[in-house]
Protein backbone atom coordinates (compact mmCIF):
# COMPACT_ATOMS: atom_id res chain seq x y z
CA MET A 1 101.71 109.79 173.12
CA ASP A 2 97.99 109.84 173.99
CA ILE A 3 96.20 112.81 175.58
CA PRO A 4 96.14 111.44 179.19
CA SER A 5 99.86 110.61 179.14
CA PHE A 6 100.73 114.02 177.70
CA LEU A 7 98.61 116.04 180.15
CA ARG A 8 100.09 114.16 183.13
CA GLN A 9 103.40 115.80 182.22
CA CYS A 10 101.98 119.33 182.01
CA ALA A 11 101.19 121.74 184.84
CA PRO A 12 98.62 122.15 186.33
CA PHE A 13 97.25 118.79 185.13
CA ASP A 14 100.19 116.85 186.53
CA GLU A 15 98.81 117.25 190.07
CA LEU A 16 95.20 116.20 189.33
CA ASP A 17 93.72 112.91 190.54
CA GLU A 18 92.45 110.34 188.04
CA ASP A 19 88.80 111.51 188.17
CA ALA A 20 89.65 115.18 187.68
CA LEU A 21 92.00 114.35 184.82
CA ALA A 22 89.36 112.15 183.19
CA GLU A 23 86.87 115.06 183.29
CA VAL A 24 89.44 117.34 181.64
CA ILE A 25 90.04 114.79 178.90
CA ARG A 26 86.31 114.46 178.19
CA HIS A 27 86.19 118.22 177.59
CA THR A 28 89.37 118.49 175.51
CA HIS A 29 89.44 119.22 171.79
CA ILE A 30 92.27 119.18 169.26
CA GLU A 31 93.02 122.01 166.82
CA PHE A 32 95.66 122.39 164.14
CA HIS A 33 97.05 125.90 163.56
CA PRO A 34 99.23 126.40 160.46
CA ARG A 35 102.20 128.71 160.69
CA GLY A 36 101.09 132.34 160.89
CA HIS A 37 97.52 131.53 161.97
CA VAL A 38 96.19 133.78 164.73
CA VAL A 39 94.85 131.74 167.65
CA LEU A 40 93.88 134.68 169.87
CA GLN A 41 93.65 138.29 168.69
CA GLN A 42 94.77 141.17 170.88
CA GLY A 43 91.63 143.15 171.70
CA GLY A 44 89.46 140.46 170.11
CA GLU A 45 86.96 137.98 171.53
CA PRO A 46 87.76 136.63 175.03
CA ALA A 47 89.25 133.15 175.14
CA ALA A 48 86.65 130.39 175.47
CA HIS A 49 89.19 127.64 176.17
CA LEU A 50 92.43 126.98 177.95
CA TYR A 51 95.12 126.18 175.37
CA ILE A 52 97.99 123.69 175.72
CA VAL A 53 100.67 123.46 173.03
CA ARG A 54 100.94 119.83 171.96
CA THR A 55 103.44 120.23 169.12
CA GLY A 56 105.11 123.23 167.51
CA ALA A 57 105.25 126.68 169.08
CA VAL A 58 103.12 129.82 169.32
CA GLU A 59 104.31 133.37 169.85
CA ALA A 60 102.71 136.13 171.92
CA LEU A 61 102.82 139.58 170.36
CA ASP A 62 102.18 143.05 171.68
CA GLY A 63 101.21 144.74 168.43
CA ASP A 64 103.93 143.50 166.09
CA LEU A 65 106.49 142.86 168.82
CA VAL A 66 107.11 139.27 169.92
CA VAL A 67 107.25 139.26 173.73
CA ASP A 68 107.06 135.54 174.49
CA VAL A 69 107.03 132.09 172.88
CA HIS A 70 105.02 129.12 174.20
CA GLN A 71 106.36 125.70 173.33
CA GLN A 72 105.30 122.09 173.82
CA GLY A 73 103.52 121.52 177.12
CA GLU A 74 103.01 125.22 177.90
CA VAL A 75 99.60 126.76 178.59
CA PHE A 76 98.17 130.06 177.36
CA GLY A 77 94.88 131.95 177.21
CA PHE A 78 94.08 131.60 180.91
CA VAL A 79 94.11 135.32 181.76
CA SER A 80 91.46 136.18 179.17
CA LEU A 81 89.51 133.00 180.08
CA LEU A 82 89.36 133.79 183.79
CA THR A 83 88.72 137.53 183.45
CA ARG A 84 86.43 137.12 180.43
CA ASP A 85 88.25 140.16 179.05
CA GLN A 86 89.75 140.72 175.64
CA PRO A 87 93.18 139.11 175.14
CA GLY A 88 95.98 141.49 176.06
CA LEU A 89 98.30 139.89 173.49
CA THR A 90 97.93 138.29 170.08
CA VAL A 91 98.87 134.61 170.04
CA ARG A 92 100.01 133.34 166.64
CA ALA A 93 101.40 130.01 165.46
CA GLN A 94 105.14 130.45 165.01
CA GLU A 95 105.20 127.17 163.11
CA ASP A 96 102.66 124.50 162.24
CA SER A 97 101.25 123.62 165.67
CA ILE A 98 98.71 121.36 167.37
CA CYS A 99 96.96 122.60 170.48
CA TYR A 100 94.70 120.93 173.04
CA LEU A 101 91.70 123.10 174.00
CA VAL A 102 90.02 122.53 177.36
CA ASP A 103 86.46 123.84 177.64
CA GLY A 104 86.30 127.09 179.61
CA ASP A 105 84.05 125.96 182.50
CA VAL A 106 86.15 122.87 183.25
CA ALA A 107 89.41 124.81 182.88
CA ALA A 108 88.16 127.56 185.22
CA ARG A 109 87.39 124.99 187.94
CA ILE A 110 90.86 123.45 187.59
CA LEU A 111 92.54 126.86 187.75
CA ALA A 112 90.50 127.80 190.84
CA SER A 113 91.78 124.74 192.75
CA ARG A 114 94.81 124.79 195.05
CA GLU A 115 96.92 123.22 192.31
CA GLY A 116 95.61 125.70 189.77
CA ILE A 117 96.30 128.75 191.94
CA SER A 118 99.84 127.53 192.55
CA PHE A 119 100.32 127.09 188.80
CA LEU A 120 98.96 130.58 188.05
CA SER A 121 101.25 132.16 190.62
CA ARG A 122 104.36 130.49 189.17
CA THR A 123 103.38 131.17 185.57
CA VAL A 124 102.43 134.83 185.98
CA ARG A 125 105.66 135.50 187.86
CA ARG A 126 107.75 133.78 185.17
CA ARG A 127 106.04 135.72 182.38
CA GLU A 128 106.49 139.03 184.19
CA LEU A 129 110.22 138.33 184.34
CA THR A 130 110.19 137.30 180.67
CA LEU A 131 108.52 140.56 179.66
CA ILE A 132 111.00 142.61 181.69
CA GLU A 133 113.98 140.72 180.24
CA ASN A 134 112.62 140.96 176.70
CA ALA A 135 112.00 144.68 177.05
CA ALA A 136 115.62 145.20 178.06
CA VAL A 137 116.91 143.09 175.20
CA ILE A 138 114.60 144.72 172.66
CA ALA A 139 115.64 148.18 173.79
CA ARG A 140 119.27 147.52 172.88
CA SER A 141 118.91 144.94 170.11
CA ASP A 142 119.21 145.54 166.37
CA PRO A 143 117.01 143.17 164.33
CA TRP A 144 119.33 143.60 161.33
CA ALA A 145 122.41 142.63 163.31
CA VAL A 146 121.07 139.42 164.82
CA PRO A 147 122.28 136.10 163.34
CA VAL A 148 120.01 134.81 160.61
CA ARG A 149 119.78 131.40 162.30
CA GLY A 150 117.39 133.09 164.74
CA LEU A 151 114.80 133.23 161.94
CA LEU A 152 114.88 129.48 161.28
CA VAL A 153 111.76 127.60 162.33
CA ARG A 154 112.38 124.18 160.81
CA SER A 155 114.89 122.02 158.97
CA PRO A 156 114.99 122.33 155.19
CA VAL A 157 112.91 119.91 153.15
CA THR A 158 115.22 117.95 150.84
CA VAL A 159 114.53 115.65 147.88
CA ASP A 160 116.62 113.63 145.46
CA GLY A 161 117.19 114.92 141.96
CA SER A 162 115.25 111.94 140.62
CA THR A 163 112.05 113.13 142.30
CA SER A 164 109.32 113.95 139.77
CA ILE A 165 107.88 117.45 139.62
CA ARG A 166 104.49 115.97 140.53
CA GLU A 167 105.97 114.51 143.72
CA ALA A 168 107.81 117.76 144.40
CA ALA A 169 104.55 119.74 144.18
CA GLU A 170 102.87 117.27 146.53
CA ILE A 171 105.73 117.56 149.03
CA MET A 172 105.62 121.37 148.93
CA THR A 173 101.88 121.30 149.58
CA ARG A 174 102.12 118.74 152.35
CA GLU A 175 105.07 120.39 154.10
CA ARG A 176 103.73 123.91 153.50
CA VAL A 177 106.99 125.18 152.03
CA SER A 178 107.73 127.23 148.93
CA ALA A 179 111.10 125.68 148.10
CA LEU A 180 112.89 122.33 148.21
CA VAL A 181 116.61 121.65 148.48
CA VAL A 182 117.58 119.16 145.76
CA ARG A 183 120.45 116.67 145.90
CA MET A 184 122.31 117.06 142.60
CA GLY A 185 125.29 114.76 142.24
CA ASP A 186 128.04 116.09 144.47
CA GLY A 187 126.20 119.29 145.34
CA TRP A 188 122.85 120.85 146.08
CA GLY A 189 120.33 122.88 144.13
CA ILE A 190 117.05 124.60 144.93
CA LEU A 191 113.60 124.22 143.41
CA THR A 192 111.04 126.90 144.21
CA ASP A 193 107.32 127.04 143.56
CA ARG A 194 108.08 129.74 140.98
CA ASP A 195 110.40 127.31 139.17
CA LEU A 196 107.58 124.77 139.02
CA ARG A 197 105.14 127.29 137.59
CA ALA A 198 107.44 129.04 135.12
CA ARG A 199 109.85 126.32 134.01
CA ALA A 200 107.66 123.25 134.22
CA LEU A 201 103.93 123.93 134.11
CA ALA A 202 103.99 126.99 131.84
CA ALA A 203 106.40 125.18 129.51
CA GLY A 204 104.05 122.21 129.22
CA ARG A 205 106.52 119.72 130.70
CA SER A 206 105.42 116.29 131.84
CA PRO A 207 104.61 115.88 135.56
CA ASP A 208 106.91 112.86 135.49
CA ASP A 209 109.99 114.89 134.54
CA THR A 210 112.58 114.99 137.31
CA VAL A 211 113.28 118.04 139.45
CA VAL A 212 116.98 118.04 138.56
CA GLU A 213 116.01 119.54 135.18
CA PHE A 214 114.39 122.57 136.80
CA ALA A 215 116.39 123.16 139.98
CA SER A 216 118.84 126.07 140.16
CA SER A 217 122.44 125.39 141.14
CA PRO A 218 124.90 125.93 142.62
CA LEU A 219 123.08 126.66 145.86
CA VAL A 220 123.44 130.22 147.16
CA THR A 221 123.73 129.89 150.94
CA MET A 222 124.58 131.95 154.01
CA ARG A 223 126.10 130.77 157.26
CA GLY A 224 123.91 130.87 160.32
CA ASP A 225 126.10 133.52 161.96
CA ALA A 226 125.54 135.95 159.06
CA THR A 227 123.34 138.90 159.97
CA VAL A 228 119.80 139.45 158.75
CA GLY A 229 121.05 142.59 156.99
CA GLU A 230 123.59 140.57 155.02
CA VAL A 231 120.90 138.14 153.91
CA LEU A 232 118.66 141.01 152.80
CA ALA A 233 121.49 142.48 150.72
CA LEU A 234 122.17 139.06 149.15
CA MET A 235 118.50 138.58 148.23
CA LEU A 236 118.30 142.01 146.63
CA GLU A 237 121.58 141.58 144.73
CA ARG A 238 120.82 138.09 143.41
CA ARG A 239 117.08 138.70 142.96
CA ILE A 240 116.27 135.59 144.95
CA HIS A 241 113.59 134.93 147.54
CA HIS A 242 115.02 131.87 149.34
CA VAL A 243 118.38 131.51 151.08
CA PRO A 244 119.38 128.18 152.67
CA VAL A 245 121.29 128.65 155.94
CA THR A 246 124.26 126.46 156.85
CA GLY A 247 126.11 125.62 160.04
CA ASN A 248 129.83 126.04 160.67
CA GLY A 249 130.46 122.63 159.13
CA GLY A 250 128.47 123.38 155.99
CA GLU A 251 125.44 121.36 157.06
CA LEU A 252 122.01 122.71 156.08
CA LEU A 253 120.16 124.19 159.06
CA GLY A 254 117.08 125.67 157.42
CA MET A 255 115.71 128.11 154.86
CA VAL A 256 115.07 131.84 155.13
CA THR A 257 112.60 133.50 152.75
CA ASP A 258 111.74 137.09 151.99
CA THR A 259 108.48 136.36 153.82
CA ASP A 260 110.53 135.77 156.97
CA LEU A 261 112.14 139.17 156.50
CA MET A 262 108.70 140.72 156.06
CA ALA A 263 108.00 139.62 159.63
CA LEU A 264 110.79 141.97 160.72
CA GLU A 265 108.95 144.88 159.11
CA ARG A 266 111.86 145.52 156.79
CA ARG A 267 109.96 144.88 153.59
CA SER A 268 110.49 148.37 152.21
CA ALA A 269 113.69 147.53 150.29
CA PHE A 270 111.95 144.65 148.50
CA ARG A 271 108.83 146.70 147.89
CA LEU A 272 110.82 149.61 146.51
CA ARG A 273 112.68 147.37 144.07
CA ARG A 274 109.45 145.71 142.99
CA ASP A 275 107.78 149.10 142.44
CA ILE A 276 110.76 150.33 140.40
CA GLU A 277 110.80 147.24 138.20
CA SER A 278 107.04 147.38 137.60
CA SER A 279 106.99 151.09 136.69
CA THR A 280 105.80 151.74 133.15
CA THR A 281 107.00 155.34 132.64
CA THR A 282 110.06 157.37 133.61
CA GLU A 283 107.79 159.65 135.62
CA GLU A 284 106.54 156.66 137.61
CA VAL A 285 110.12 155.52 138.27
CA VAL A 286 110.98 158.96 139.62
CA GLU A 287 107.86 158.95 141.80
CA VAL A 288 108.39 155.54 143.40
CA SER A 289 112.13 156.03 143.86
CA ALA A 290 111.37 159.05 146.05
CA ALA A 291 110.80 156.50 148.83
CA ALA A 292 114.50 155.53 148.83
CA PRO A 293 115.71 158.20 151.32
CA ARG A 294 113.08 157.16 153.85
CA MET A 295 113.97 153.50 153.41
CA LEU A 296 117.65 154.23 153.97
CA ALA A 297 116.82 156.42 156.98
CA ASP A 298 114.92 153.49 158.51
CA LEU A 299 118.02 151.36 158.14
CA VAL A 300 120.14 154.03 159.82
CA GLU A 301 117.67 154.33 162.68
CA ALA A 302 117.83 150.56 163.13
CA SER A 303 121.63 150.85 163.54
CA VAL A 304 122.31 148.68 160.52
CA ASP A 305 125.98 148.38 159.59
CA PRO A 306 126.83 151.33 157.26
CA LEU A 307 128.46 148.97 154.75
CA GLU A 308 125.23 146.98 154.50
CA ILE A 309 123.24 150.21 154.01
CA GLY A 310 125.62 151.22 151.21
CA HIS A 311 125.19 147.82 149.61
CA ILE A 312 121.39 147.99 149.70
CA ALA A 313 121.43 151.57 148.37
CA ALA A 314 123.68 150.53 145.47
CA VAL A 315 121.54 147.52 144.57
CA THR A 316 118.47 149.78 144.59
CA ASN A 317 120.30 152.22 142.31
CA ASP A 318 121.14 149.35 139.98
CA ALA A 319 117.44 148.51 139.71
CA LEU A 320 116.60 152.17 139.10
CA THR A 321 119.22 152.55 136.35
CA THR A 322 118.24 149.28 134.68
CA ARG A 323 114.58 150.22 134.55
CA LEU A 324 115.31 153.68 133.12
CA LEU A 325 117.48 152.12 130.42
CA GLU A 326 114.72 149.63 129.59
CA LEU A 327 112.14 152.40 129.32
CA GLY A 328 114.49 154.44 127.15
CA ILE A 329 114.86 151.54 124.72
CA GLU A 330 111.09 151.03 124.66
CA ARG A 331 110.66 154.68 123.75
CA LEU A 332 113.54 155.16 121.30
CA GLY A 333 114.03 151.67 119.91
CA GLU A 334 116.95 149.29 120.06
CA PRO A 335 120.39 150.98 119.86
CA PRO A 336 122.08 150.64 116.47
CA GLY A 337 125.09 148.78 117.91
CA LEU A 338 126.46 146.94 120.91
CA TRP A 339 126.59 149.01 124.08
CA ALA A 340 127.09 148.84 127.83
CA TRP A 341 126.24 151.15 130.71
CA LEU A 342 129.02 151.38 133.29
CA ALA A 343 128.54 152.25 136.95
CA LEU A 344 131.71 153.79 138.37
CA GLY A 345 133.07 154.77 141.75
CA SER A 346 131.11 154.06 144.93
CA GLU A 347 128.14 152.69 142.98
CA ALA A 348 130.36 150.12 141.26
CA ARG A 349 131.85 149.14 144.64
CA HIS A 350 128.35 148.96 146.17
CA GLU A 351 129.38 151.50 148.78
CA GLN A 352 126.79 154.19 148.15
CA GLY A 353 126.33 157.00 150.66
CA MET A 354 123.15 158.85 151.55
CA ALA A 355 124.22 161.84 149.43
CA THR A 356 126.69 161.26 146.61
CA ASP A 357 127.18 162.08 142.96
CA GLN A 358 126.78 159.39 140.32
CA ASP A 359 129.71 158.57 138.04
CA ASN A 360 128.60 156.62 134.98
CA ALA A 361 129.81 155.95 131.46
CA LEU A 362 128.32 154.71 128.20
CA VAL A 363 130.38 152.38 126.03
CA TYR A 364 129.10 151.62 122.55
CA GLU A 365 130.46 149.80 119.52
CA SER A 366 131.65 152.23 116.89
CA GLY A 367 135.32 153.02 117.27
CA ASP A 368 136.80 156.43 117.96
CA ARG A 369 135.65 158.22 114.80
CA ASP A 370 131.91 158.41 115.44
CA VAL A 371 129.59 161.36 115.15
CA VAL A 372 126.77 161.70 117.68
CA ARG A 373 124.21 164.30 118.60
CA VAL A 374 122.69 165.03 122.00
CA ASP A 375 119.07 166.13 122.13
CA SER A 376 117.49 168.60 124.57
CA GLU A 377 116.80 165.82 127.11
CA GLY A 378 120.37 164.59 127.09
CA TYR A 379 119.79 161.50 124.94
CA ILE A 380 122.75 160.50 122.77
CA PHE A 381 122.08 159.56 119.14
CA PRO A 382 124.90 158.04 117.04
CA ILE A 383 124.67 159.59 113.57
CA ASP A 384 127.55 158.12 111.62
CA ARG A 385 131.28 157.63 111.47
CA ILE A 386 133.54 160.44 110.37
CA ASP A 387 134.93 158.12 107.71
CA ASN A 388 131.46 157.95 106.12
CA VAL A 389 130.70 161.65 106.11
CA VAL A 390 129.84 163.09 102.70
CA ILE A 391 130.97 166.68 102.13
CA SER A 392 128.65 168.25 99.59
CA GLY A 393 128.91 171.96 98.84
CA GLY A 394 130.85 172.44 102.07
CA GLU A 395 128.11 170.80 104.19
CA ASN A 396 128.63 167.63 106.20
CA VAL A 397 126.02 165.03 105.31
CA TYR A 398 125.75 161.79 107.26
CA PRO A 399 124.58 158.76 105.21
CA GLN A 400 123.04 157.00 108.23
CA GLU A 401 120.71 159.94 108.83
CA ILE A 402 119.41 159.75 105.25
CA GLU A 403 119.13 155.95 105.41
CA PHE A 404 117.03 156.20 108.54
CA PHE A 405 114.73 158.75 106.89
CA LEU A 406 114.26 156.82 103.63
CA SER A 407 113.86 153.42 105.35
CA LYS A 408 110.42 154.61 106.51
CA HIS A 409 109.19 154.87 102.91
CA PRO A 410 106.64 152.07 102.36
CA LEU A 411 108.10 151.08 98.97
CA ILE A 412 111.71 150.81 100.16
CA ALA A 413 112.81 147.35 101.38
CA ASP A 414 116.46 148.21 101.96
CA ILE A 415 118.75 151.17 101.34
CA ALA A 416 122.36 152.31 101.49
CA VAL A 417 123.65 155.84 100.98
CA CYS A 418 127.13 157.00 99.98
CA GLY A 419 128.87 159.96 98.39
CA VAL A 420 130.16 160.05 94.84
CA PRO A 421 132.52 162.64 93.32
CA ASP A 422 130.98 165.68 91.65
CA GLU A 423 132.83 168.54 89.90
CA LYS A 424 130.49 171.25 91.21
CA TRP A 425 129.63 170.11 94.73
CA GLY A 426 132.67 168.01 95.54
CA GLN A 427 130.39 165.08 96.39
CA VAL A 428 126.71 164.36 95.92
CA ILE A 429 124.44 161.85 97.67
CA LYS A 430 123.78 158.55 95.94
CA ALA A 431 121.11 156.09 97.18
CA LEU A 432 121.19 152.38 96.39
CA ILE A 433 117.63 151.14 96.90
CA VAL A 434 115.97 147.75 97.00
CA ARG A 435 112.40 148.67 96.10
CA ARG A 436 109.23 146.74 96.78
CA SER A 437 107.45 148.02 93.66
CA PRO A 438 108.32 149.60 90.28
CA GLU A 439 106.00 152.44 91.32
CA LEU A 440 108.97 153.91 93.17
CA THR A 441 110.89 156.03 90.65
CA PRO A 442 113.66 158.61 91.08
CA GLU A 443 111.08 161.36 90.47
CA ALA A 444 108.74 159.91 93.11
CA LEU A 445 111.60 159.69 95.61
CA GLU A 446 112.54 163.31 94.87
CA ARG A 447 108.99 164.46 95.64
CA TYR A 448 108.94 162.37 98.84
CA CYS A 449 112.10 164.10 100.07
CA LEU A 450 111.04 167.63 99.14
CA GLU A 451 107.61 167.28 100.71
CA SER A 452 108.99 166.16 104.08
CA SER A 453 110.26 168.50 106.76
CA ASP A 454 112.35 165.71 108.33
CA LEU A 455 115.17 165.95 105.78
CA ALA A 456 117.00 169.10 104.70
CA ARG A 457 116.83 169.80 100.96
CA HIS A 458 120.59 169.59 100.44
CA LYS A 459 120.61 166.07 101.99
CA ARG A 460 118.27 164.48 99.46
CA PRO A 461 119.83 161.94 97.07
CA ARG A 462 120.79 163.40 93.70
CA LEU A 463 121.52 159.99 92.22
CA VAL A 464 119.30 156.91 92.66
CA GLN A 465 120.20 153.36 91.69
CA PHE A 466 117.77 150.48 92.11
CA VAL A 467 119.57 147.26 93.10
CA ASP A 468 118.68 143.70 94.01
CA SER A 469 120.52 143.86 97.33
CA VAL A 470 122.57 146.16 99.50
CA PRO A 471 126.14 144.97 100.24
CA ARG A 472 126.46 143.94 103.89
CA ASN A 473 129.18 142.32 105.98
CA VAL A 474 128.90 139.15 108.07
CA LEU A 475 127.43 141.17 110.94
CA GLY A 476 124.60 142.45 108.72
CA LYS A 477 125.94 146.00 108.63
CA ILE A 478 126.24 147.97 105.40
CA ASP A 479 129.60 147.36 103.79
CA ARG A 480 130.69 150.97 103.26
CA THR A 481 133.95 149.91 101.58
CA ALA A 482 132.04 148.00 98.89
CA LEU A 483 129.87 151.06 98.27
CA ARG A 484 132.93 153.21 97.61
């Protein structure tokens, strides 16, 4: 539809004669405003034009609060234009929008006419009612409890699995989206801009490779009647940034991103998780996690469902625990065997309260006859199995402790320690050593042990045997039975 035909359908231009409309058209410009672009700034420069929404929609905000939405054919900016005062509201593109701009002088003359005054009277009255109604709704509404379909601004962009990654990148750029929904056989998958960068470009894949190789499936979706709080919890739990929204019949309605949730000023849960995961020391983890009580209090004040708050708190605790475990491994090295950290109770059920104890357990591969020590900071160190303990002169000596000490010697390539019978001491320590050089002799090893404060004198090997290899089982562990 051309400009004259469109304006004839819009007040106040629908009541103008042909000459007046022709003058308006001569002084009309076209502007494109991408989603999120600020057209008029609250307290900024006065409007120099009268704006008409041609396609898309723009939202009027008082601070960060949306108080009105102008859609196709609606006019805005006239109050600031006529008063030459700063805009009382910010006007921002709610989606990609095209606006017609009528030069200020011409627009002012139109608005000063009988038709213009009638239009202003109707419009101002309608917007006063809108503000009053919105204020009442906002006063009792909970942004976390509203259906997520209210955040949708467009239909999802879909592509076939045979689409090349080059075409996918072009579509994302053209449509200004960060994710595509991919048809994959009988189901759907999702391809995000992060997938393109990490899985395709960084991996040196050909631009002609198809998106089905890089898309994630099955698709994680939420129904449109799910609450915003439920979507937030899902994103945090799955560590995803895009959630397709479906209708009651399973049809795709649109896509919600974490950026959309940022617009609700509920970014703190995402930010807290990001800060935890990027912390480089345990002290930093403790510092950033101190923001958790305030974040949870914000959710309470917003009247979020308590179950959703418990879920978000538990997912945040999961991130905190995971990062502390990672930092512990970086500091102490990889554990000597398989292990698992267990979250128990309310944390395991994702039903955390604001103040609750933490029930956890550590499971590690070693059987029920292991010997461990706990240091002053509470760290657990497996030392050895009871079956492997050497009793020498009435003292318990653990072969793994000696093996760890001697493995740091630069001339030792591999080592195994065991006990052998001795008439005087009951048992004495024997070391089987794969050496890197003949320079390592029993006398040299004796001096190395005596000169170090890291190994007690009675734990030093009394017998040394140089071997070509240390007996190990299929898992690579020392075969203690073969040593005996």
